[in-house]
């Protein structure tokens, strides 16, 4: 890699820009890691896969509370009857 990227490090360059700002609280990626107790790499992977929506400000990612809730809910395992 020529621009100092670590080998195997996920690229977040294609994360979409946030389309609106309604005054919602924004979470950092570190907040999301602490809340979900998932690894940083797993969160980055899910962002790249489109599993969680985010806002991109330059190189920083921010997550709306409603998107965090939707992400967690989408991972819920439902019992079959």
PDB file of N, CA and C in Angstrom:
ATOM      1  N   UNK A   1       0.838  -1.164   0.000  1.00  0.00           N
ATOM      2  CA  UNK A   1       0.000   0.000   0.000  1.00  0.00           C
ATOM      3  C   UNK A   1       0.892   1.240   0.000  1.00  0.00           C
ATOM      4  N   UNK A   2       0.536   2.185  -0.779  1.00  0.00           N
ATOM      5  CA  UNK A   2       1.429   3.312  -0.966  1.00  0.00           C
ATOM      6  C   UNK A   2       1.163   4.494  -0.052  1.00  0.00           C
ATOM      7  N   UNK A   3      -0.042   4.675   0.448  1.00  0.00           N
ATOM      8  CA  UNK A   3      -0.337   5.879   1.222  1.00  0.00           C
ATOM      9  C   UNK A   3      -0.359   5.633   2.730  1.00  0.00           C
ATOM     10  N   UNK A   4       0.358   4.644   3.212  1.00  0.00           N
ATOM     11  CA  UNK A   4       0.508   4.403   4.635  1.00  0.00           C
ATOM     12  C   UNK A   4      -0.607   3.590   5.259  1.00  0.00           C
ATOM     13  N   UNK A   5      -1.501   3.011   4.457  1.00  0.00           N
ATOM     14  CA  UNK A   5      -2.562   2.187   5.005  1.00  0.00           C
ATOM     15  C   UNK A   5      -1.993   0.841   5.441  1.00  0.00           C
ATOM     16  N   UNK A   6      -2.484   0.340   6.546  1.00  0.00           N
ATOM     17  CA  UNK A   6      -2.064  -0.969   7.028  1.00  0.00           C
ATOM     18  C   UNK A   6      -2.690  -2.049   6.154  1.00  0.00           C
ATOM     19  N   UNK A   7      -1.959  -3.114   5.955  1.00  0.00           N
ATOM     20  CA  UNK A   7      -2.477  -4.226   5.175  1.00  0.00           C
ATOM     21  C   UNK A   7      -3.651  -4.847   5.927  1.00  0.00           C
ATOM     22  N   UNK A   8      -4.745  -5.096   5.230  1.00  0.00           N
ATOM     23  CA  UNK A   8      -5.909  -5.701   5.841  1.00  0.00           C
ATOM     24  C   UNK A   8      -6.814  -4.727   6.559  1.00  0.00           C
ATOM     25  N   UNK A   9      -6.450  -3.459   6.633  1.00  0.00           N
ATOM     26  CA  UNK A   9      -7.285  -2.462   7.300  1.00  0.00           C
ATOM     27  C   UNK A   9      -8.433  -2.083   6.372  1.00  0.00           C
ATOM     28  N   UNK A  10      -9.671  -2.171   6.860  1.00  0.00           N
ATOM     29  CA  UNK A  10     -10.809  -1.835   5.999  1.00  0.00           C
ATOM     30  C   UNK A  10     -10.785  -0.373   5.579  1.00  0.00           C
ATOM     31  N   UNK A  11     -11.158  -0.112   4.349  1.00  0.00           N
ATOM     32  CA  UNK A  11     -11.238   1.249   3.842  1.00  0.00           C
ATOM     33  C   UNK A  11     -12.641   1.777   4.046  1.00  0.00           C
ATOM     34  N   UNK A  12     -12.753   2.979   4.573  1.00  0.00           N
ATOM     35  CA  UNK A  12     -14.058   3.587   4.801  1.00  0.00           C
ATOM     36  C   UNK A  12     -14.303   4.738   3.834  1.00  0.00           C
ATOM     37  N   UNK A  13     -13.542   4.790   2.741  1.00  0.00           N
ATOM     38  CA  UNK A  13     -13.627   5.908   1.810  1.00  0.00           C
ATOM     39  C   UNK A  13     -14.982   6.031   1.133  1.00  0.00           C
ATOM     40  N   UNK A  14     -15.709   4.945   0.975  1.00  0.00           N
ATOM     41  CA  UNK A  14     -16.967   5.020   0.259  1.00  0.00           C
ATOM     42  C   UNK A  14     -18.190   5.159   1.166  1.00  0.00           C
ATOM     43  N   UNK A  15     -17.988   5.416   2.456  1.00  0.00           N
ATOM     44  CA  UNK A  15     -19.130   5.609   3.354  1.00  0.00           C
ATOM     45  C   UNK A  15     -19.897   6.855   2.912  1.00  0.00           C
ATOM     46  N   UNK A  16     -21.221   6.768   2.857  1.00  0.00           N
ATOM     47  CA  UNK A  16     -22.012   7.891   2.358  1.00  0.00           C
ATOM     48  C   UNK A  16     -21.969   9.084   3.288  1.00  0.00           C
ATOM     49  N   UNK A  17     -22.123  10.259   2.714  1.00  0.00           N
ATOM     50  CA  UNK A  17     -22.222  11.474   3.514  1.00  0.00           C
ATOM     51  C   UNK A  17     -23.606  11.528   4.146  1.00  0.00           C
ATOM     52  N   UNK A  18     -23.694  12.145   5.291  1.00  0.00           N
ATOM     53  CA  UNK A  18     -24.983  12.276   5.969  1.00  0.00           C
ATOM     54  C   UNK A  18     -25.886  13.196   5.159  1.00  0.00           C
ATOM     55  N   UNK A  19     -27.126  12.791   4.952  1.00  0.00           N
ATOM     56  CA  UNK A  19     -28.022  13.579   4.121  1.00  0.00           C
ATOM     57  C   UNK A  19     -28.800  14.638   4.881  1.00  0.00           C
ATOM     58  N   UNK A  20     -28.836  14.578   6.192  1.00  0.00           N
ATOM     59  CA  UNK A  20     -29.559  15.593   6.947  1.00  0.00           C
ATOM     60  C   UNK A  20     -29.014  15.687   8.358  1.00  0.00           C
ATOM     61  N   UNK A  21     -29.248  16.817   8.977  1.00  0.00           N
ATOM     62  CA  UNK A  21     -28.855  17.007  10.373  1.00  0.00           C
ATOM     63  C   UNK A  21     -30.070  17.572  11.093  1.00  0.00           C
ATOM     64  N   UNK A  22     -30.684  16.769  11.939  1.00  0.00           N
ATOM     65  CA  UNK A  22     -31.904  17.181  12.629  1.00  0.00           C
ATOM     66  C   UNK A  22     -31.656  17.424  14.111  1.00  0.00           C
ATOM     67  N   UNK A  23     -30.432  17.613  14.508  1.00  0.00           N
ATOM     68  CA  UNK A  23     -30.145  17.824  15.908  1.00  0.00           C
ATOM     69  C   UNK A  23     -30.040  16.546  16.715  1.00  0.00           C
ATOM     70  N   UNK A  24     -30.033  15.373  16.048  1.00  0.00           N
ATOM     71  CA  UNK A  24     -29.881  14.109  16.750  1.00  0.00           C
ATOM     72  C   UNK A  24     -28.481  14.021  17.348  1.00  0.00           C
ATOM     73  N   UNK A  25     -28.402  13.299  18.459  1.00  0.00           N
ATOM     74  CA  UNK A  25     -27.086  13.058  19.046  1.00  0.00           C
ATOM     75  C   UNK A  25     -26.303  12.134  18.119  1.00  0.00           C
ATOM     76  N   UNK A  26     -25.053  12.446  17.910  1.00  0.00           N
ATOM     77  CA  UNK A  26     -24.198  11.628  17.051  1.00  0.00           C
ATOM     78  C   UNK A  26     -23.213  10.852  17.910  1.00  0.00           C
ATOM     79  N   UNK A  27     -23.026   9.581  17.567  1.00  0.00           N
ATOM     80  CA  UNK A  27     -22.099   8.699  18.256  1.00  0.00           C
ATOM     81  C   UNK A  27     -20.815   8.616  17.446  1.00  0.00           C
ATOM     82  N   UNK A  28     -19.687   8.522  18.118  1.00  0.00           N
ATOM     83  CA  UNK A  28     -18.430   8.244  17.432  1.00  0.00           C
ATOM     84  C   UNK A  28     -18.314   6.730  17.249  1.00  0.00           C
ATOM     85  N   UNK A  29     -17.374   6.330  16.436  1.00  0.00           N
ATOM     86  CA  UNK A  29     -17.150   4.893  16.252  1.00  0.00           C
ATOM     87  C   UNK A  29     -16.681   4.259  17.566  1.00  0.00           C
ATOM     88  N   UNK A  30     -15.927   5.008  18.367  1.00  0.00           N
ATOM     89  CA  UNK A  30     -15.497   4.491  19.676  1.00  0.00           C
ATOM     90  C   UNK A  30     -16.684   4.311  20.617  1.00  0.00           C
ATOM     91  N   UNK A  31     -17.658   5.242  20.562  1.00  0.00           N
ATOM     92  CA  UNK A  31     -18.882   5.088  21.359  1.00  0.00           C
ATOM     93  C   UNK A  31     -19.594   3.793  20.978  1.00  0.00           C
ATOM     94  N   UNK A  32     -19.676   3.548  19.666  1.00  0.00           N
ATOM     95  CA  UNK A  32     -20.365   2.358  19.169  1.00  0.00           C
ATOM     96  C   UNK A  32     -19.635   1.075  19.582  1.00  0.00           C
ATOM     97  N   UNK A  33     -18.322   1.098  19.535  1.00  0.00           N
ATOM     98  CA  UNK A  33     -17.523  -0.054  19.970  1.00  0.00           C
ATOM     99  C   UNK A  33     -17.775  -0.344  21.452  1.00  0.00           C
ATOM    100  N   UNK A  34     -17.768   0.697  22.280  1.00  0.00           N
ATOM    101  CA  UNK A  34     -18.008   0.503  23.720  1.00  0.00           C
ATOM    102  C   UNK A  34     -19.428   0.007  23.986  1.00  0.00           C
ATOM    103  N   UNK A  35     -20.406   0.564  23.280  1.00  0.00           N
ATOM    104  CA  UNK A  35     -21.805   0.207  23.494  1.00  0.00           C
ATOM    105  C   UNK A  35     -22.097  -1.239  23.081  1.00  0.00           C
ATOM    106  N   UNK A  36     -21.611  -1.646  21.926  1.00  0.00           N
ATOM    107  CA  UNK A  36     -21.906  -2.989  21.419  1.00  0.00           C
ATOM    108  C   UNK A  36     -20.928  -4.046  21.920  1.00  0.00           C
ATOM    109  N   UNK A  37     -19.786  -3.596  22.433  1.00  0.00           N
ATOM    110  CA  UNK A  37     -18.719  -4.503  22.863  1.00  0.00           C
ATOM    111  C   UNK A  37     -18.200  -5.350  21.697  1.00  0.00           C
ATOM    112  N   UNK A  38     -18.298  -4.784  20.490  1.00  0.00           N
ATOM    113  CA  UNK A  38     -17.725  -5.403  19.294  1.00  0.00           C
ATOM    114  C   UNK A  38     -16.386  -4.756  19.021  1.00  0.00           C
ATOM    115  N   UNK A  39     -15.575  -5.405  18.195  1.00  0.00           N
ATOM    116  CA  UNK A  39     -14.271  -4.840  17.868  1.00  0.00           C
ATOM    117  C   UNK A  39     -14.426  -3.686  16.879  1.00  0.00           C
ATOM    118  N   UNK A  40     -13.452  -2.817  16.872  1.00  0.00           N
ATOM    119  CA  UNK A  40     -13.410  -1.718  15.910  1.00  0.00           C
ATOM    120  C   UNK A  40     -13.444  -2.261  14.490  1.00  0.00           C
ATOM    121  N   UNK A  41     -12.690  -3.308  14.239  1.00  0.00           N
ATOM    122  CA  UNK A  41     -12.637  -3.911  12.902  1.00  0.00           C
ATOM    123  C   UNK A  41     -14.019  -4.418  12.470  1.00  0.00           C
ATOM    124  N   UNK A  42     -14.786  -5.035  13.389  1.00  0.00           N
ATOM    125  CA  UNK A  42     -16.123  -5.532  13.069  1.00  0.00           C
ATOM    126  C   UNK A  42     -17.060  -4.370  12.712  1.00  0.00           C
ATOM    127  N   UNK A  43     -17.001  -3.287  13.477  1.00  0.00           N
ATOM    128  CA  UNK A  43     -17.830  -2.114  13.177  1.00  0.00           C
ATOM    129  C   UNK A  43     -17.450  -1.546  11.817  1.00  0.00           C
ATOM    130  N   UNK A  44     -16.158  -1.424  11.536  1.00  0.00           N
ATOM    131  CA  UNK A  44     -15.700  -0.919  10.237  1.00  0.00           C
ATOM    132  C   UNK A  44     -16.179  -1.832   9.106  1.00  0.00           C
ATOM    133  N   UNK A  45     -16.117  -3.131   9.324  1.00  0.00           N
ATOM    134  CA  UNK A  45     -16.586  -4.093   8.327  1.00  0.00           C
ATOM    135  C   UNK A  45     -18.079  -3.886   8.053  1.00  0.00           C
ATOM    136  N   UNK A  46     -18.871  -3.752   9.123  1.00  0.00           N
ATOM    137  CA  UNK A  46     -20.307  -3.566   8.967  1.00  0.00           C
ATOM    138  C   UNK A  46     -20.648  -2.231   8.297  1.00  0.00           C
ATOM    139  N   UNK A  47     -19.872  -1.197   8.552  1.00  0.00           N
ATOM    140  CA  UNK A  47     -20.070   0.083   7.853  1.00  0.00           C
ATOM    141  C   UNK A  47     -19.830  -0.120   6.363  1.00  0.00           C
ATOM    142  N   UNK A  48     -18.723  -0.757   6.025  1.00  0.00           N
ATOM    143  CA  UNK A  48     -18.398  -1.006   4.606  1.00  0.00           C
ATOM    144  C   UNK A  48     -19.442  -1.884   3.936  1.00  0.00           C
ATOM    145  N   UNK A  49     -20.019  -2.828   4.672  1.00  0.00           N
ATOM    146  CA  UNK A  49     -21.024  -3.741   4.124  1.00  0.00           C
ATOM    147  C   UNK A  49     -22.403  -3.093   4.046  1.00  0.00           C
ATOM    148  N   UNK A  50     -22.557  -1.912   4.631  1.00  0.00           N
ATOM    149  CA  UNK A  50     -23.845  -1.229   4.615  1.00  0.00           C
ATOM    150  C   UNK A  50     -24.803  -1.708   5.688  1.00  0.00           C
ATOM    151  N   UNK A  51     -24.293  -2.440   6.670  1.00  0.00           N
ATOM    152  CA  UNK A  51     -25.143  -2.968   7.738  1.00  0.00           C
ATOM    153  C   UNK A  51     -25.540  -1.888   8.740  1.00  0.00           C
ATOM    154  N   UNK A  52     -24.784  -0.814   8.799  1.00  0.00           N
ATOM    155  CA  UNK A  52     -25.116   0.312   9.679  1.00  0.00           C
ATOM    156  C   UNK A  52     -24.882   1.605   8.919  1.00  0.00           C
ATOM    157  N   UNK A  53     -25.843   2.498   9.008  1.00  0.00           N
ATOM    158  CA  UNK A  53     -25.729   3.797   8.348  1.00  0.00           C
ATOM    159  C   UNK A  53     -24.864   4.716   9.177  1.00  0.00           C
ATOM    160  N   UNK A  54     -24.161   5.595   8.500  1.00  0.00           N
ATOM    161  CA  UNK A  54     -23.334   6.555   9.223  1.00  0.00           C
ATOM    162  C   UNK A  54     -23.274   7.860   8.446  1.00  0.00           C
ATOM    163  N   UNK A  55     -22.800   8.878   9.120  1.00  0.00           N
ATOM    164  CA  UNK A  55     -22.530  10.173   8.516  1.00  0.00           C
ATOM    165  C   UNK A  55     -21.017  10.316   8.445  1.00  0.00           C
ATOM    166  N   UNK A  56     -20.539  10.896   7.366  1.00  0.00           N
ATOM    167  CA  UNK A  56     -19.099  11.046   7.194  1.00  0.00           C
ATOM    168  C   UNK A  56     -18.766  12.531   7.134  1.00  0.00           C
ATOM    169  N   UNK A  57     -17.906  12.960   8.040  1.00  0.00           N
ATOM    170  CA  UNK A  57     -17.427  14.336   8.087  1.00  0.00           C
ATOM    171  C   UNK A  57     -15.922  14.290   7.869  1.00  0.00           C
ATOM    172  N   UNK A  58     -15.493  14.559   6.653  1.00  0.00           N
ATOM    173  CA  UNK A  58     -14.085  14.380   6.323  1.00  0.00           C
ATOM    174  C   UNK A  58     -13.753  12.908   6.434  1.00  0.00           C
ATOM    175  N   UNK A  59     -12.832  12.572   7.328  1.00  0.00           N
ATOM    176  CA  UNK A  59     -12.477  11.166   7.547  1.00  0.00           C
ATOM    177  C   UNK A  59     -13.139  10.590   8.794  1.00  0.00           C
ATOM    178  N   UNK A  60     -13.947  11.405   9.485  1.00  0.00           N
ATOM    179  CA  UNK A  60     -14.602  10.961  10.717  1.00  0.00           C
ATOM    180  C   UNK A  60     -15.991  10.429  10.426  1.00  0.00           C
ATOM    181  N   UNK A  61     -16.332   9.334  11.080  1.00  0.00           N
ATOM    182  CA  UNK A  61     -17.659   8.746  10.959  1.00  0.00           C
ATOM    183  C   UNK A  61     -18.454   9.056  12.218  1.00  0.00           C
ATOM    184  N   UNK A  62     -19.740   9.350  12.029  1.00  0.00           N
ATOM    185  CA  UNK A  62     -20.655   9.561  13.143  1.00  0.00           C
ATOM    186  C   UNK A  62     -21.918   8.762  12.878  1.00  0.00           C
ATOM    187  N   UNK A  63     -22.546   8.310  13.946  1.00  0.00           N
ATOM    188  CA  UNK A  63     -23.708   7.453  13.856  1.00  0.00           C
ATOM    189  C   UNK A  63     -24.860   8.086  14.617  1.00  0.00           C
ATOM    190  N   UNK A  64     -26.038   8.148  13.988  1.00  0.00           N
ATOM    191  CA  UNK A  64     -27.226   8.665  14.650  1.00  0.00           C
ATOM    192  C   UNK A  64     -27.746   7.610  15.616  1.00  0.00           C
ATOM    193  N   UNK A  65     -28.342   8.077  16.703  1.00  0.00           N
ATOM    194  CA  UNK A  65     -28.892   7.176  17.707  1.00  0.00           C
ATOM    195  C   UNK A  65     -29.886   6.202  17.088  1.00  0.00           C
ATOM    196  N   UNK A  66     -30.750   6.696  16.202  1.00  0.00           N
ATOM    197  CA  UNK A  66     -31.748   5.817  15.572  1.00  0.00           C
ATOM    198  C   UNK A  66     -31.088   4.758  14.698  1.00  0.00           C
ATOM    199  N   UNK A  67     -29.959   5.079  14.063  1.00  0.00           N
ATOM    200  CA  UNK A  67     -29.249   4.092  13.247  1.00  0.00           C
ATOM    201  C   UNK A  67     -28.567   3.042  14.109  1.00  0.00           C
ATOM    202  N   UNK A  68     -28.066   3.470  15.271  1.00  0.00           N
ATOM    203  CA  UNK A  68     -27.464   2.514  16.216  1.00  0.00           C
ATOM    204  C   UNK A  68     -28.539   1.544  16.708  1.00  0.00           C
ATOM    205  N   UNK A  69     -29.701   2.077  17.053  1.00  0.00           N
ATOM    206  CA  UNK A  69     -30.802   1.222  17.512  1.00  0.00           C
ATOM    207  C   UNK A  69     -31.229   0.242  16.431  1.00  0.00           C
ATOM    208  N   UNK A  70     -31.323   0.708  15.194  1.00  0.00           N
ATOM    209  CA  UNK A  70     -31.716  -0.167  14.075  1.00  0.00           C
ATOM    210  C   UNK A  70     -30.665  -1.249  13.845  1.00  0.00           C
ATOM    211  N   UNK A  71     -29.392  -0.892  13.968  1.00  0.00           N
ATOM    212  CA  UNK A  71     -28.293  -1.850  13.795  1.00  0.00           C
ATOM    213  C   UNK A  71     -28.378  -2.950  14.849  1.00  0.00           C
ATOM    214  N   UNK A  72     -28.568  -2.555  16.099  1.00  0.00           N
ATOM    215  CA  UNK A  72     -28.660  -3.536  17.185  1.00  0.00           C
ATOM    216  C   UNK A  72     -29.897  -4.412  16.983  1.00  0.00           C
ATOM    217  N   UNK A  73     -31.027  -3.809  16.649  1.00  0.00           N
ATOM    218  CA  UNK A  73     -32.261  -4.567  16.444  1.00  0.00           C
ATOM    219  C   UNK A  73     -32.122  -5.552  15.288  1.00  0.00           C
ATOM    220  N   UNK A  74     -31.384  -5.167  14.257  1.00  0.00           N
ATOM    221  CA  UNK A  74     -31.213  -6.058  13.099  1.00  0.00           C
ATOM    222  C   UNK A  74     -30.398  -7.303  13.447  1.00  0.00           C
ATOM    223  N   UNK A  75     -29.684  -7.260  14.554  1.00  0.00           N
ATOM    224  CA  UNK A  75     -28.871  -8.393  14.985  1.00  0.00           C
ATOM    225  C   UNK A  75     -29.604  -9.305  15.961  1.00  0.00           C
ATOM    226  N   UNK A  76     -30.836  -8.916  16.319  1.00  0.00           N
ATOM    227  CA  UNK A  76     -31.607  -9.700  17.277  1.00  0.00           C
ATOM    228  C   UNK A  76     -31.966 -11.051  16.694  1.00  0.00           C
ATOM    229  N   UNK A  77     -31.808 -12.081  17.496  1.00  0.00           N
ATOM    230  CA  UNK A  77     -32.166 -13.444  17.087  1.00  0.00           C
ATOM    231  C   UNK A  77     -33.559 -13.726  17.633  1.00  0.00           C
ATOM    232  N   UNK A  78     -34.446 -14.072  16.758  1.00  0.00           N
ATOM    233  CA  UNK A  78     -35.823 -14.358  17.136  1.00  0.00           C
ATOM    234  C   UNK A  78     -35.985 -15.872  17.322  1.00  0.00           C
ATOM    235  N   UNK A  79     -36.674 -16.247  18.360  1.00  0.00           N
ATOM    236  CA  UNK A  79     -36.933 -17.673  18.614  1.00  0.00           C
ATOM    237  C   UNK A  79     -38.016 -18.169  17.685  1.00  0.00           C
ATOM    238  N   UNK A  80     -37.801 -19.325  17.133  1.00  0.00           N
ATOM    239  CA  UNK A  80     -38.834 -19.957  16.301  1.00  0.00           C
ATOM    240  C   UNK A  80     -39.813 -20.689  17.193  1.00  0.00           C
ATOM    241  N   UNK A  81     -41.048 -20.684  16.779  1.00  0.00           N
ATOM    242  CA  UNK A  81     -42.073 -21.386  17.553  1.00  0.00           C
ATOM    243  C   UNK A  81     -42.359 -22.731  16.968  1.00  0.00           C
TER     244      UNK A  81
END
